[in-house]
Amino acid sequence: MAVTGAVMVSFLVLHMLGNLKIFFGRESFNEYAHWLRTLLEPFVPYRTVLTILEIGLVVSVVLHMWAAISLSRRAGKARPVKYVAKKSQANGYATHIMRWGGVTIALFVIWHLLDLTFGVVNPAGYNSSPADRMIDGFDPSRWWVTLVYVVAVVMVGLHLRHGVWSAFQTLGWANKDRNKALRATAGLLSIVLVLGFLVPPLAITFGVVK
């Protein structure tokens, strides 16, 4: 659970940094997208490295969901009768978000791929440049897409905050002396990622980036 989570967090950080390239202009963003597809050329064919990374990410997502379901079932079998009084180190709201938020995020990722990666539901279409798909995708006329994106990213942030904190506990780093700092680290990482992902689409929707 922790390992696959770390893989996805690493992806989110790199993905966020890549999205911010839109502020340097369409050409800069398109060059970045092209660079991703030509990594290690001509040693390997076009898009080989990116495809391997995408497969690794998908495997991580599937294993992460499998781990969550397996751990939940294991916990249920270990304690079939609920505690009279239950005390958890996790915040109550976050515990529910981890379950339903994960499903919501998975559905959003499917839409996100159809929109900005494959161009199936994007006004610019598949044959357009990555920058055109991003800018057309968050056009002011598609404000509802931006709204869905905002909600989904906030859900990712809440999921991430609780997940990073849980990973710290799993690794045995959490204790009375470190808890405050570790919670702050998890919260700060989540805030940075949420803001980093929201700034580009909001800038496009409100006409800052055209």
N, C-alpha and C. Protein backbone atom coordinates (compact mmCIF):
# COMPACT_ATOMS: atom_id res chain seq x y z
N MET A 1 0.83 -1.20 0.00
CA MET A 1 0.00 0.00 0.00
C MET A 1 0.87 1.25 0.00
N ALA A 2 1.87 1.28 0.88
CA ALA A 2 2.76 2.44 0.99
C ALA A 2 3.64 2.60 -0.24
N VAL A 3 4.16 1.49 -0.76
CA VAL A 3 5.06 1.54 -1.93
C VAL A 3 4.32 2.04 -3.17
N THR A 4 3.15 1.47 -3.43
CA THR A 4 2.39 1.91 -4.60
C THR A 4 1.93 3.36 -4.43
N GLY A 5 1.63 3.74 -3.20
CA GLY A 5 1.27 5.13 -2.93
C GLY A 5 2.42 6.06 -3.23
N ALA A 6 3.64 5.66 -2.87
CA ALA A 6 4.82 6.49 -3.13
C ALA A 6 5.05 6.65 -4.63
N VAL A 7 4.78 5.59 -5.39
CA VAL A 7 4.93 5.66 -6.85
C VAL A 7 3.97 6.70 -7.42
N MET A 8 2.74 6.68 -6.94
CA MET A 8 1.74 7.61 -7.45
C MET A 8 2.01 9.04 -7.02
N VAL A 9 2.53 9.22 -5.80
CA VAL A 9 2.89 10.57 -5.35
C VAL A 9 4.01 11.14 -6.22
N SER A 10 5.00 10.30 -6.54
CA SER A 10 6.10 10.73 -7.42
C SER A 10 5.56 11.16 -8.78
N PHE A 11 4.62 10.38 -9.31
CA PHE A 11 4.00 10.73 -10.58
C PHE A 11 3.28 12.06 -10.49
N LEU A 12 2.53 12.27 -9.41
CA LEU A 12 1.77 13.51 -9.25
C LEU A 12 2.69 14.72 -9.22
N VAL A 13 3.81 14.61 -8.53
CA VAL A 13 4.76 15.73 -8.45
C VAL A 13 5.29 16.08 -9.84
N LEU A 14 5.70 15.06 -10.59
CA LEU A 14 6.24 15.29 -11.94
C LEU A 14 5.15 15.81 -12.89
N HIS A 15 3.96 15.26 -12.76
CA HIS A 15 2.85 15.67 -13.61
C HIS A 15 2.48 17.13 -13.34
N MET A 16 2.49 17.51 -12.08
CA MET A 16 2.17 18.89 -11.70
C MET A 16 3.19 19.86 -12.29
N LEU A 17 4.47 19.51 -12.17
CA LEU A 17 5.53 20.37 -12.72
C LEU A 17 5.39 20.50 -14.23
N GLY A 18 5.02 19.40 -14.88
CA GLY A 18 4.82 19.44 -16.33
C GLY A 18 3.66 20.34 -16.71
N ASN A 19 2.56 20.27 -15.96
CA ASN A 19 1.39 21.11 -16.27
C ASN A 19 1.72 22.60 -16.15
N LEU A 20 2.59 22.94 -15.22
CA LEU A 20 2.94 24.35 -15.02
C LEU A 20 3.70 24.93 -16.20
N LYS A 21 4.19 24.07 -17.09
CA LYS A 21 4.89 24.55 -18.29
C LYS A 21 3.96 25.36 -19.19
N ILE A 22 2.66 25.23 -19.02
CA ILE A 22 1.71 25.96 -19.84
C ILE A 22 1.88 27.46 -19.65
N PHE A 23 2.40 27.88 -18.51
CA PHE A 23 2.60 29.31 -18.25
C PHE A 23 3.78 29.89 -19.04
N PHE A 24 4.60 29.01 -19.62
CA PHE A 24 5.72 29.46 -20.43
C PHE A 24 5.36 29.50 -21.92
N GLY A 25 4.10 29.24 -22.21
CA GLY A 25 3.64 29.32 -23.59
C GLY A 25 3.32 27.97 -24.20
N ARG A 26 2.56 27.98 -25.27
CA ARG A 26 2.16 26.75 -25.95
C ARG A 26 3.37 25.96 -26.45
N GLU A 27 4.33 26.67 -27.02
CA GLU A 27 5.50 25.99 -27.58
C GLU A 27 6.28 25.25 -26.50
N SER A 28 6.45 25.90 -25.36
CA SER A 28 7.18 25.28 -24.26
C SER A 28 6.45 24.03 -23.76
N PHE A 29 5.13 24.12 -23.66
CA PHE A 29 4.34 22.98 -23.19
C PHE A 29 4.41 21.83 -24.19
N ASN A 30 4.30 22.15 -25.47
CA ASN A 30 4.37 21.12 -26.51
C ASN A 30 5.75 20.48 -26.58
N GLU A 31 6.80 21.27 -26.36
CA GLU A 31 8.15 20.72 -26.35
C GLU A 31 8.33 19.74 -25.19
N TYR A 32 7.76 20.08 -24.07
CA TYR A 32 7.81 19.19 -22.90
C TYR A 32 7.09 17.87 -23.20
N ALA A 33 5.90 17.97 -23.80
CA ALA A 33 5.13 16.77 -24.15
C ALA A 33 5.89 15.92 -25.17
N HIS A 34 6.54 16.58 -26.11
CA HIS A 34 7.33 15.85 -27.11
C HIS A 34 8.54 15.18 -26.48
N TRP A 35 9.17 15.86 -25.54
CA TRP A 35 10.33 15.30 -24.84
C TRP A 35 9.96 14.02 -24.10
N LEU A 36 8.79 14.00 -23.50
CA LEU A 36 8.34 12.79 -22.79
C LEU A 36 8.25 11.60 -23.74
N ARG A 37 7.84 11.86 -24.96
CA ARG A 37 7.63 10.78 -25.93
C ARG A 37 8.91 10.35 -26.64
N THR A 38 9.95 11.16 -26.52
CA THR A 38 11.21 10.83 -27.22
C THR A 38 12.35 10.49 -26.27
N LEU A 39 12.02 10.20 -25.02
CA LEU A 39 13.05 9.83 -24.05
C LEU A 39 13.86 8.62 -24.53
N LEU A 40 15.18 8.72 -24.49
CA LEU A 40 16.14 7.67 -24.85
C LEU A 40 16.12 7.31 -26.34
N GLU A 41 15.50 8.14 -27.17
CA GLU A 41 15.63 7.94 -28.62
C GLU A 41 17.04 8.33 -29.05
N PRO A 42 17.64 7.67 -30.03
CA PRO A 42 17.10 6.55 -30.83
C PRO A 42 17.42 5.18 -30.24
N PHE A 43 17.92 5.15 -29.00
CA PHE A 43 18.25 3.86 -28.38
C PHE A 43 17.02 2.97 -28.29
N VAL A 44 15.87 3.58 -28.00
CA VAL A 44 14.60 2.84 -27.98
C VAL A 44 13.61 3.57 -28.89
N PRO A 45 12.62 2.87 -29.41
CA PRO A 45 11.64 3.50 -30.31
C PRO A 45 10.86 4.62 -29.63
N TYR A 46 10.24 5.42 -30.45
CA TYR A 46 9.42 6.55 -30.02
C TYR A 46 8.37 6.10 -29.00
N ARG A 47 8.27 6.81 -27.92
CA ARG A 47 7.26 6.65 -26.86
C ARG A 47 7.47 5.39 -26.00
N THR A 48 8.57 4.70 -26.15
CA THR A 48 8.79 3.46 -25.38
C THR A 48 8.86 3.72 -23.88
N VAL A 49 9.69 4.68 -23.49
CA VAL A 49 9.87 4.97 -22.06
C VAL A 49 8.57 5.45 -21.45
N LEU A 50 7.87 6.34 -22.16
CA LEU A 50 6.61 6.86 -21.63
C LEU A 50 5.58 5.74 -21.47
N THR A 51 5.54 4.83 -22.42
CA THR A 51 4.60 3.71 -22.34
C THR A 51 4.91 2.82 -21.13
N ILE A 52 6.20 2.56 -20.90
CA ILE A 52 6.62 1.75 -19.76
C ILE A 52 6.21 2.44 -18.45
N LEU A 53 6.42 3.75 -18.40
CA LEU A 53 6.04 4.51 -17.20
C LEU A 53 4.53 4.47 -16.99
N GLU A 54 3.77 4.58 -18.07
CA GLU A 54 2.32 4.54 -17.97
C GLU A 54 1.84 3.17 -17.49
N ILE A 55 2.45 2.11 -18.02
CA ILE A 55 2.09 0.75 -17.58
C ILE A 55 2.42 0.57 -16.09
N GLY A 56 3.58 1.08 -15.69
CA GLY A 56 3.97 1.00 -14.28
C GLY A 56 3.00 1.74 -13.39
N LEU A 57 2.51 2.89 -13.87
CA LEU A 57 1.55 3.67 -13.08
C LEU A 57 0.23 2.93 -12.96
N VAL A 58 -0.24 2.35 -14.06
CA VAL A 58 -1.50 1.60 -14.03
C VAL A 58 -1.39 0.41 -13.08
N VAL A 59 -0.27 -0.30 -13.16
CA VAL A 59 -0.04 -1.44 -12.26
C VAL A 59 -0.05 -0.98 -10.81
N SER A 60 0.57 0.17 -10.54
CA SER A 60 0.60 0.70 -9.18
C SER A 60 -0.80 1.04 -8.68
N VAL A 61 -1.61 1.63 -9.56
CA VAL A 61 -2.98 1.97 -9.18
C VAL A 61 -3.78 0.71 -8.86
N VAL A 62 -3.67 -0.31 -9.73
CA VAL A 62 -4.40 -1.56 -9.51
C VAL A 62 -3.95 -2.23 -8.22
N LEU A 63 -2.63 -2.30 -8.00
CA LEU A 63 -2.11 -2.91 -6.78
C LEU A 63 -2.50 -2.11 -5.53
N HIS A 64 -2.57 -0.80 -5.68
CA HIS A 64 -2.96 0.05 -4.56
C HIS A 64 -4.41 -0.24 -4.16
N MET A 65 -5.28 -0.36 -5.16
CA MET A 65 -6.68 -0.68 -4.88
C MET A 65 -6.81 -2.09 -4.31
N TRP A 66 -6.04 -3.01 -4.87
CA TRP A 66 -6.08 -4.40 -4.37
C TRP A 66 -5.60 -4.44 -2.91
N ALA A 67 -4.55 -3.69 -2.60
CA ALA A 67 -4.04 -3.66 -1.23
C ALA A 67 -5.08 -3.09 -0.28
N ALA A 68 -5.78 -2.04 -0.72
CA ALA A 68 -6.80 -1.42 0.13
C ALA A 68 -7.93 -2.40 0.44
N ILE A 69 -8.39 -3.12 -0.60
CA ILE A 69 -9.46 -4.09 -0.41
C ILE A 69 -8.99 -5.26 0.47
N SER A 70 -7.76 -5.73 0.21
CA SER A 70 -7.23 -6.87 0.98
C SER A 70 -7.05 -6.51 2.45
N LEU A 71 -6.53 -5.33 2.72
CA LEU A 71 -6.33 -4.90 4.10
C LEU A 71 -7.66 -4.72 4.82
N SER A 72 -8.65 -4.20 4.09
CA SER A 72 -9.97 -4.03 4.69
C SER A 72 -10.59 -5.37 5.05
N ARG A 73 -10.47 -6.36 4.15
CA ARG A 73 -11.01 -7.69 4.42
C ARG A 73 -10.26 -8.37 5.55
N ARG A 74 -8.95 -8.21 5.57
CA ARG A 74 -8.14 -8.81 6.62
C ARG A 74 -8.52 -8.23 7.98
N ALA A 75 -8.73 -6.93 8.01
CA ALA A 75 -9.12 -6.28 9.27
C ALA A 75 -10.48 -6.79 9.73
N GLY A 76 -11.40 -7.00 8.77
CA GLY A 76 -12.72 -7.49 9.12
C GLY A 76 -12.69 -8.90 9.68
N LYS A 77 -11.84 -9.75 9.10
CA LYS A 77 -11.73 -11.13 9.58
C LYS A 77 -11.03 -11.18 10.94
N ALA A 78 -10.07 -10.29 11.14
CA ALA A 78 -9.34 -10.29 12.40
C ALA A 78 -10.21 -9.82 13.55
N ARG A 79 -11.16 -8.94 13.24
CA ARG A 79 -12.04 -8.43 14.28
C ARG A 79 -13.47 -8.38 13.75
N PRO A 80 -14.14 -9.54 13.67
CA PRO A 80 -15.50 -9.60 13.11
C PRO A 80 -16.52 -8.83 13.94
N VAL A 81 -16.26 -8.69 15.25
CA VAL A 81 -17.16 -7.95 16.13
C VAL A 81 -16.58 -6.56 16.34
N LYS A 82 -17.38 -5.55 16.08
CA LYS A 82 -16.88 -4.19 16.20
C LYS A 82 -16.58 -3.82 17.64
N TYR A 83 -15.60 -2.94 17.82
CA TYR A 83 -15.27 -2.44 19.15
C TYR A 83 -16.44 -1.59 19.67
N VAL A 84 -16.63 -1.65 20.98
CA VAL A 84 -17.68 -0.81 21.59
C VAL A 84 -17.29 0.66 21.45
N ALA A 85 -16.03 0.94 21.73
CA ALA A 85 -15.51 2.29 21.56
C ALA A 85 -14.29 2.18 20.67
N LYS A 86 -14.30 2.90 19.58
CA LYS A 86 -13.21 2.79 18.63
C LYS A 86 -12.42 4.10 18.62
N LYS A 87 -11.11 3.98 18.75
CA LYS A 87 -10.24 5.14 18.74
C LYS A 87 -9.24 4.97 17.62
N SER A 88 -9.22 5.93 16.71
CA SER A 88 -8.32 5.85 15.57
C SER A 88 -7.44 7.07 15.52
N GLN A 89 -6.21 6.87 15.06
CA GLN A 89 -5.30 8.00 14.89
C GLN A 89 -5.66 8.80 13.66
N ALA A 90 -6.42 8.22 12.76
CA ALA A 90 -6.82 8.91 11.53
C ALA A 90 -8.04 9.77 11.79
N ASN A 91 -8.16 10.88 11.11
CA ASN A 91 -9.34 11.72 11.21
C ASN A 91 -10.53 10.99 10.61
N GLY A 92 -11.70 11.12 11.26
CA GLY A 92 -12.86 10.39 10.82
C GLY A 92 -13.25 10.66 9.39
N TYR A 93 -13.29 11.95 9.00
CA TYR A 93 -13.71 12.29 7.64
C TYR A 93 -12.76 11.71 6.61
N ALA A 94 -11.47 11.69 6.92
CA ALA A 94 -10.47 11.21 5.96
C ALA A 94 -10.60 9.71 5.75
N THR A 95 -11.00 8.99 6.79
CA THR A 95 -11.16 7.54 6.66
C THR A 95 -12.21 7.21 5.62
N HIS A 96 -13.32 7.95 5.62
CA HIS A 96 -14.37 7.72 4.62
C HIS A 96 -13.92 8.19 3.25
N ILE A 97 -13.17 9.29 3.21
CA ILE A 97 -12.68 9.81 1.94
C ILE A 97 -11.76 8.82 1.26
N MET A 98 -10.94 8.10 2.04
CA MET A 98 -10.01 7.14 1.46
C MET A 98 -10.75 6.06 0.68
N ARG A 99 -11.94 5.68 1.16
CA ARG A 99 -12.70 4.62 0.49
C ARG A 99 -13.44 5.17 -0.74
N TRP A 100 -14.34 6.13 -0.51
CA TRP A 100 -15.15 6.65 -1.60
C TRP A 100 -14.37 7.63 -2.47
N GLY A 101 -13.41 8.31 -1.87
CA GLY A 101 -12.58 9.22 -2.64
C GLY A 101 -11.76 8.48 -3.67
N GLY A 102 -11.28 7.28 -3.31
CA GLY A 102 -10.49 6.48 -4.24
C GLY A 102 -11.30 6.10 -5.46
N VAL A 103 -12.56 5.74 -5.26
CA VAL A 103 -13.44 5.39 -6.38
C VAL A 103 -13.70 6.62 -7.25
N THR A 104 -13.96 7.76 -6.60
CA THR A 104 -14.21 9.00 -7.33
C THR A 104 -13.00 9.40 -8.17
N ILE A 105 -11.82 9.28 -7.57
CA ILE A 105 -10.58 9.64 -8.28
C ILE A 105 -10.37 8.72 -9.47
N ALA A 106 -10.63 7.43 -9.30
CA ALA A 106 -10.46 6.47 -10.40
C ALA A 106 -11.36 6.82 -11.57
N LEU A 107 -12.62 7.18 -11.30
CA LEU A 107 -13.54 7.58 -12.36
C LEU A 107 -13.08 8.86 -13.04
N PHE A 108 -12.57 9.78 -12.24
CA PHE A 108 -12.08 11.04 -12.80
C PHE A 108 -10.87 10.81 -13.71
N VAL A 109 -9.98 9.92 -13.30
CA VAL A 109 -8.79 9.63 -14.10
C VAL A 109 -9.19 9.12 -15.49
N ILE A 110 -10.23 8.28 -15.54
CA ILE A 110 -10.71 7.77 -16.82
C ILE A 110 -11.17 8.93 -17.70
N TRP A 111 -11.97 9.85 -17.13
CA TRP A 111 -12.42 11.01 -17.88
C TRP A 111 -11.24 11.87 -18.31
N HIS A 112 -10.30 12.08 -17.40
CA HIS A 112 -9.13 12.91 -17.65
C HIS A 112 -8.32 12.38 -18.83
N LEU A 113 -8.16 11.06 -18.91
CA LEU A 113 -7.43 10.45 -20.02
C LEU A 113 -8.19 10.62 -21.34
N LEU A 114 -9.50 10.42 -21.30
CA LEU A 114 -10.31 10.57 -22.50
C LEU A 114 -10.31 12.02 -22.99
N ASP A 115 -10.17 12.94 -22.06
CA ASP A 115 -10.20 14.36 -22.39
C ASP A 115 -8.85 14.88 -22.88
N LEU A 116 -7.84 14.82 -22.03
CA LEU A 116 -6.58 15.48 -22.34
C LEU A 116 -5.51 14.58 -22.98
N THR A 117 -5.64 13.27 -22.80
CA THR A 117 -4.63 12.37 -23.39
C THR A 117 -5.07 11.86 -24.77
N PHE A 118 -6.28 11.30 -24.83
CA PHE A 118 -6.76 10.72 -26.08
C PHE A 118 -7.62 11.68 -26.90
N GLY A 119 -8.07 12.76 -26.27
CA GLY A 119 -8.84 13.76 -27.01
C GLY A 119 -10.22 13.33 -27.45
N VAL A 120 -10.72 12.23 -26.90
CA VAL A 120 -12.02 11.70 -27.32
C VAL A 120 -13.15 12.67 -26.98
N VAL A 121 -13.10 13.26 -25.79
CA VAL A 121 -14.16 14.19 -25.36
C VAL A 121 -13.65 15.62 -25.32
N ASN A 122 -12.51 15.87 -25.95
CA ASN A 122 -11.93 17.21 -25.97
C ASN A 122 -12.31 17.93 -27.25
N PRO A 123 -12.67 19.21 -27.19
CA PRO A 123 -13.07 19.96 -28.39
C PRO A 123 -11.99 20.00 -29.46
N ALA A 124 -10.71 19.99 -29.05
CA ALA A 124 -9.61 20.08 -30.01
C ALA A 124 -9.37 18.76 -30.75
N GLY A 125 -9.78 17.65 -30.16
CA GLY A 125 -9.61 16.35 -30.80
C GLY A 125 -8.23 15.75 -30.59
N TYR A 126 -8.07 14.49 -30.99
CA TYR A 126 -6.83 13.75 -30.75
C TYR A 126 -5.66 14.30 -31.54
N ASN A 127 -5.89 14.76 -32.76
CA ASN A 127 -4.81 15.20 -33.63
C ASN A 127 -4.27 16.58 -33.29
N SER A 128 -4.83 17.22 -32.30
CA SER A 128 -4.36 18.54 -31.89
C SER A 128 -3.12 18.43 -31.02
N SER A 129 -2.46 19.55 -30.78
CA SER A 129 -1.27 19.55 -29.92
C SER A 129 -1.69 19.45 -28.46
N PRO A 130 -0.79 18.97 -27.58
CA PRO A 130 -1.12 18.88 -26.16
C PRO A 130 -1.56 20.22 -25.56
N ALA A 131 -0.91 21.30 -25.96
CA ALA A 131 -1.27 22.62 -25.44
C ALA A 131 -2.68 23.01 -25.87
N ASP A 132 -3.02 22.74 -27.14
CA ASP A 132 -4.36 23.05 -27.63
C ASP A 132 -5.42 22.25 -26.89
N ARG A 133 -5.14 20.99 -26.63
CA ARG A 133 -6.11 20.16 -25.89
C ARG A 133 -6.31 20.69 -24.48
N MET A 134 -5.23 21.13 -23.85
CA MET A 134 -5.34 21.63 -22.48
C MET A 134 -6.11 22.95 -22.45
N ILE A 135 -5.77 23.88 -23.36
CA ILE A 135 -6.41 25.18 -23.35
C ILE A 135 -7.86 25.08 -23.80
N ASP A 136 -8.14 24.29 -24.84
CA ASP A 136 -9.52 24.11 -25.27
C ASP A 136 -10.33 23.32 -24.25
N GLY A 137 -9.66 22.41 -23.55
CA GLY A 137 -10.34 21.58 -22.56
C GLY A 137 -10.88 22.37 -21.38
N PHE A 138 -10.17 23.45 -21.01
CA PHE A 138 -10.59 24.27 -19.88
C PHE A 138 -11.08 25.64 -20.33
N ASP A 139 -11.55 25.71 -21.56
CA ASP A 139 -12.11 26.94 -22.10
C ASP A 139 -13.25 27.43 -21.19
N PRO A 140 -13.42 28.76 -21.06
CA PRO A 140 -14.50 29.28 -20.20
C PRO A 140 -15.87 28.69 -20.49
N SER A 141 -16.13 28.33 -21.75
CA SER A 141 -17.43 27.73 -22.10
C SER A 141 -17.61 26.35 -21.48
N ARG A 142 -16.50 25.73 -21.11
CA ARG A 142 -16.56 24.41 -20.46
C ARG A 142 -16.27 24.55 -18.97
N TRP A 143 -16.87 25.53 -18.35
CA TRP A 143 -16.64 25.82 -16.93
C TRP A 143 -16.95 24.62 -16.05
N TRP A 144 -17.92 23.81 -16.49
CA TRP A 144 -18.31 22.65 -15.70
C TRP A 144 -17.19 21.61 -15.63
N VAL A 145 -16.37 21.55 -16.70
CA VAL A 145 -15.22 20.64 -16.70
C VAL A 145 -14.21 21.11 -15.65
N THR A 146 -13.98 22.42 -15.62
CA THR A 146 -13.06 22.98 -14.63
C THR A 146 -13.58 22.73 -13.22
N LEU A 147 -14.88 22.86 -13.03
CA LEU A 147 -15.48 22.63 -11.71
C LEU A 147 -15.27 21.18 -11.27
N VAL A 148 -15.53 20.24 -12.18
CA VAL A 148 -15.32 18.82 -11.87
C VAL A 148 -13.85 18.57 -11.55
N TYR A 149 -12.97 19.20 -12.31
CA TYR A 149 -11.53 19.05 -12.10
C TYR A 149 -11.14 19.56 -10.71
N VAL A 150 -11.69 20.71 -10.31
CA VAL A 150 -11.38 21.29 -8.99
C VAL A 150 -11.81 20.33 -7.88
N VAL A 151 -13.03 19.82 -7.99
CA VAL A 151 -13.55 18.90 -6.97
C VAL A 151 -12.67 17.65 -6.90
N ALA A 152 -12.32 17.10 -8.06
CA ALA A 152 -11.51 15.88 -8.10
C ALA A 152 -10.13 16.11 -7.51
N VAL A 153 -9.51 17.24 -7.83
CA VAL A 153 -8.17 17.53 -7.31
C VAL A 153 -8.20 17.72 -5.79
N VAL A 154 -9.24 18.38 -5.29
CA VAL A 154 -9.38 18.53 -3.84
C VAL A 154 -9.52 17.16 -3.18
N MET A 155 -10.29 16.27 -3.82
CA MET A 155 -10.42 14.91 -3.30
C MET A 155 -9.07 14.20 -3.29
N VAL A 156 -8.29 14.42 -4.35
CA VAL A 156 -6.94 13.84 -4.40
C VAL A 156 -6.11 14.36 -3.23
N GLY A 157 -6.23 15.66 -2.97
CA GLY A 157 -5.47 16.27 -1.88
C GLY A 157 -5.82 15.67 -0.52
N LEU A 158 -7.11 15.49 -0.26
CA LEU A 158 -7.54 14.90 1.00
C LEU A 158 -7.08 13.45 1.11
N HIS A 159 -7.21 12.74 -0.01
CA HIS A 159 -6.76 11.34 -0.06
C HIS A 159 -5.25 11.27 0.20
N LEU A 160 -4.53 12.18 -0.43
CA LEU A 160 -3.08 12.20 -0.31
C LEU A 160 -2.63 12.55 1.11
N ARG A 161 -3.29 13.53 1.70
CA ARG A 161 -2.93 13.94 3.06
C ARG A 161 -3.03 12.77 4.04
N HIS A 162 -4.15 12.07 3.97
CA HIS A 162 -4.34 10.93 4.86
C HIS A 162 -3.41 9.77 4.50
N GLY A 163 -3.21 9.58 3.18
CA GLY A 163 -2.36 8.47 2.74
C GLY A 163 -0.91 8.65 3.14
N VAL A 164 -0.38 9.87 2.99
CA VAL A 164 1.02 10.13 3.37
C VAL A 164 1.20 9.96 4.87
N TRP A 165 0.24 10.46 5.63
CA TRP A 165 0.31 10.31 7.09
C TRP A 165 0.26 8.83 7.48
N SER A 166 -0.60 8.07 6.82
CA SER A 166 -0.69 6.63 7.10
C SER A 166 0.60 5.92 6.73
N ALA A 167 1.24 6.36 5.64
CA ALA A 167 2.51 5.76 5.23
C ALA A 167 3.59 6.01 6.28
N PHE A 168 3.60 7.20 6.86
CA PHE A 168 4.54 7.51 7.93
C PHE A 168 4.35 6.55 9.11
N GLN A 169 3.08 6.27 9.42
CA GLN A 169 2.77 5.34 10.51
C GLN A 169 3.23 3.92 10.16
N THR A 170 2.95 3.52 8.91
CA THR A 170 3.32 2.18 8.46
C THR A 170 4.83 1.96 8.52
N LEU A 171 5.58 2.99 8.17
CA LEU A 171 7.04 2.90 8.17
C LEU A 171 7.62 3.02 9.58
N GLY A 172 6.77 3.27 10.56
CA GLY A 172 7.24 3.35 11.94
C GLY A 172 7.88 4.68 12.31
N TRP A 173 7.63 5.71 11.50
CA TRP A 173 8.24 7.01 11.77
C TRP A 173 7.43 7.83 12.76
N ALA A 174 6.15 7.52 12.89
CA ALA A 174 5.28 8.32 13.76
C ALA A 174 5.49 8.00 15.23
N ASN A 175 5.65 9.03 16.02
CA ASN A 175 5.67 8.91 17.47
C ASN A 175 5.27 10.27 18.07
N LYS A 176 5.21 10.34 19.37
CA LYS A 176 4.73 11.57 20.00
C LYS A 176 5.58 12.79 19.65
N ASP A 177 6.86 12.57 19.47
CA ASP A 177 7.77 13.69 19.18
C ASP A 177 7.69 14.15 17.73
N ARG A 178 7.35 13.22 16.82
CA ARG A 178 7.37 13.53 15.40
C ARG A 178 5.99 13.77 14.79
N ASN A 179 4.94 13.35 15.49
CA ASN A 179 3.61 13.39 14.90
C ASN A 179 3.23 14.75 14.33
N LYS A 180 3.50 15.81 15.07
CA LYS A 180 3.12 17.15 14.64
C LYS A 180 3.83 17.52 13.34
N ALA A 181 5.13 17.24 13.28
CA ALA A 181 5.92 17.58 12.09
C ALA A 181 5.50 16.72 10.90
N LEU A 182 5.22 15.43 11.14
CA LEU A 182 4.83 14.54 10.05
C LEU A 182 3.45 14.90 9.51
N ARG A 183 2.54 15.27 10.40
CA ARG A 183 1.21 15.70 9.93
C ARG A 183 1.33 16.98 9.11
N ALA A 184 2.19 17.88 9.55
CA ALA A 184 2.40 19.12 8.82
C ALA A 184 3.01 18.85 7.45
N THR A 185 3.93 17.89 7.39
CA THR A 185 4.55 17.52 6.11
C THR A 185 3.53 16.96 5.14
N ALA A 186 2.68 16.05 5.64
CA ALA A 186 1.63 15.46 4.80
C ALA A 186 0.67 16.54 4.31
N GLY A 187 0.30 17.44 5.21
CA GLY A 187 -0.61 18.52 4.84
C GLY A 187 0.00 19.47 3.83
N LEU A 188 1.27 19.83 4.04
CA LEU A 188 1.95 20.77 3.14
C LEU A 188 2.10 20.18 1.74
N LEU A 189 2.49 18.91 1.67
CA LEU A 189 2.63 18.25 0.37
C LEU A 189 1.30 18.24 -0.38
N SER A 190 0.23 17.96 0.34
CA SER A 190 -1.09 17.92 -0.28
C SER A 190 -1.50 19.30 -0.80
N ILE A 191 -1.25 20.33 0.00
CA ILE A 191 -1.62 21.69 -0.39
C ILE A 191 -0.85 22.12 -1.63
N VAL A 192 0.45 21.84 -1.65
CA VAL A 192 1.29 22.22 -2.79
C VAL A 192 0.80 21.55 -4.06
N LEU A 193 0.50 20.25 -3.98
CA LEU A 193 0.03 19.52 -5.16
C LEU A 193 -1.34 20.01 -5.62
N VAL A 194 -2.24 20.26 -4.68
CA VAL A 194 -3.58 20.73 -5.04
C VAL A 194 -3.48 22.08 -5.75
N LEU A 195 -2.73 23.01 -5.17
CA LEU A 195 -2.58 24.33 -5.78
C LEU A 195 -1.87 24.23 -7.13
N GLY A 196 -0.84 23.39 -7.19
CA GLY A 196 -0.10 23.23 -8.44
C GLY A 196 -0.94 22.69 -9.57
N PHE A 197 -1.87 21.81 -9.25
CA PHE A 197 -2.75 21.25 -10.28
C PHE A 197 -3.90 22.18 -10.63
N LEU A 198 -4.34 23.01 -9.68
CA LEU A 198 -5.49 23.86 -9.93
C LEU A 198 -5.15 25.16 -10.65
N VAL A 199 -3.95 25.67 -10.45
CA VAL A 199 -3.58 26.96 -11.04
C VAL A 199 -3.70 26.97 -12.57
N PRO A 200 -3.14 25.97 -13.31
CA PRO A 200 -3.26 26.02 -14.78
C PRO A 200 -4.70 26.04 -15.31
N PRO A 201 -5.57 25.09 -14.90
CA PRO A 201 -6.93 25.12 -15.45
C PRO A 201 -7.71 26.38 -15.07
N LEU A 202 -7.52 26.86 -13.84
CA LEU A 202 -8.21 28.08 -13.42
C LEU A 202 -7.71 29.28 -14.21
N ALA A 203 -6.40 29.31 -14.47
CA ALA A 203 -5.84 30.41 -15.26
C ALA A 203 -6.40 30.42 -16.67
N ILE A 204 -6.61 29.23 -17.24
CA ILE A 204 -7.18 29.12 -18.58
C ILE A 204 -8.66 29.52 -18.57
N THR A 205 -9.40 29.02 -17.60
CA THR A 205 -10.83 29.31 -17.51
C THR A 205 -11.10 30.80 -17.33
N PHE A 206 -10.25 31.47 -16.56
CA PHE A 206 -10.44 32.90 -16.30
C PHE A 206 -9.68 33.80 -17.26
N GLY A 207 -9.13 33.21 -18.33
CA GLY A 207 -8.53 33.99 -19.39
C GLY A 207 -7.13 34.49 -19.17
N VAL A 208 -6.46 34.05 -18.11
CA VAL A 208 -5.07 34.45 -17.87
C VAL A 208 -4.16 33.80 -18.89
N VAL A 209 -4.41 32.53 -19.19
CA VAL A 209 -3.67 31.79 -20.22
C VAL A 209 -4.61 31.56 -21.39
N LYS A 210 -4.17 31.93 -22.60
CA LYS A 210 -5.02 31.78 -23.78
C LYS A 210 -4.28 31.01 -24.88
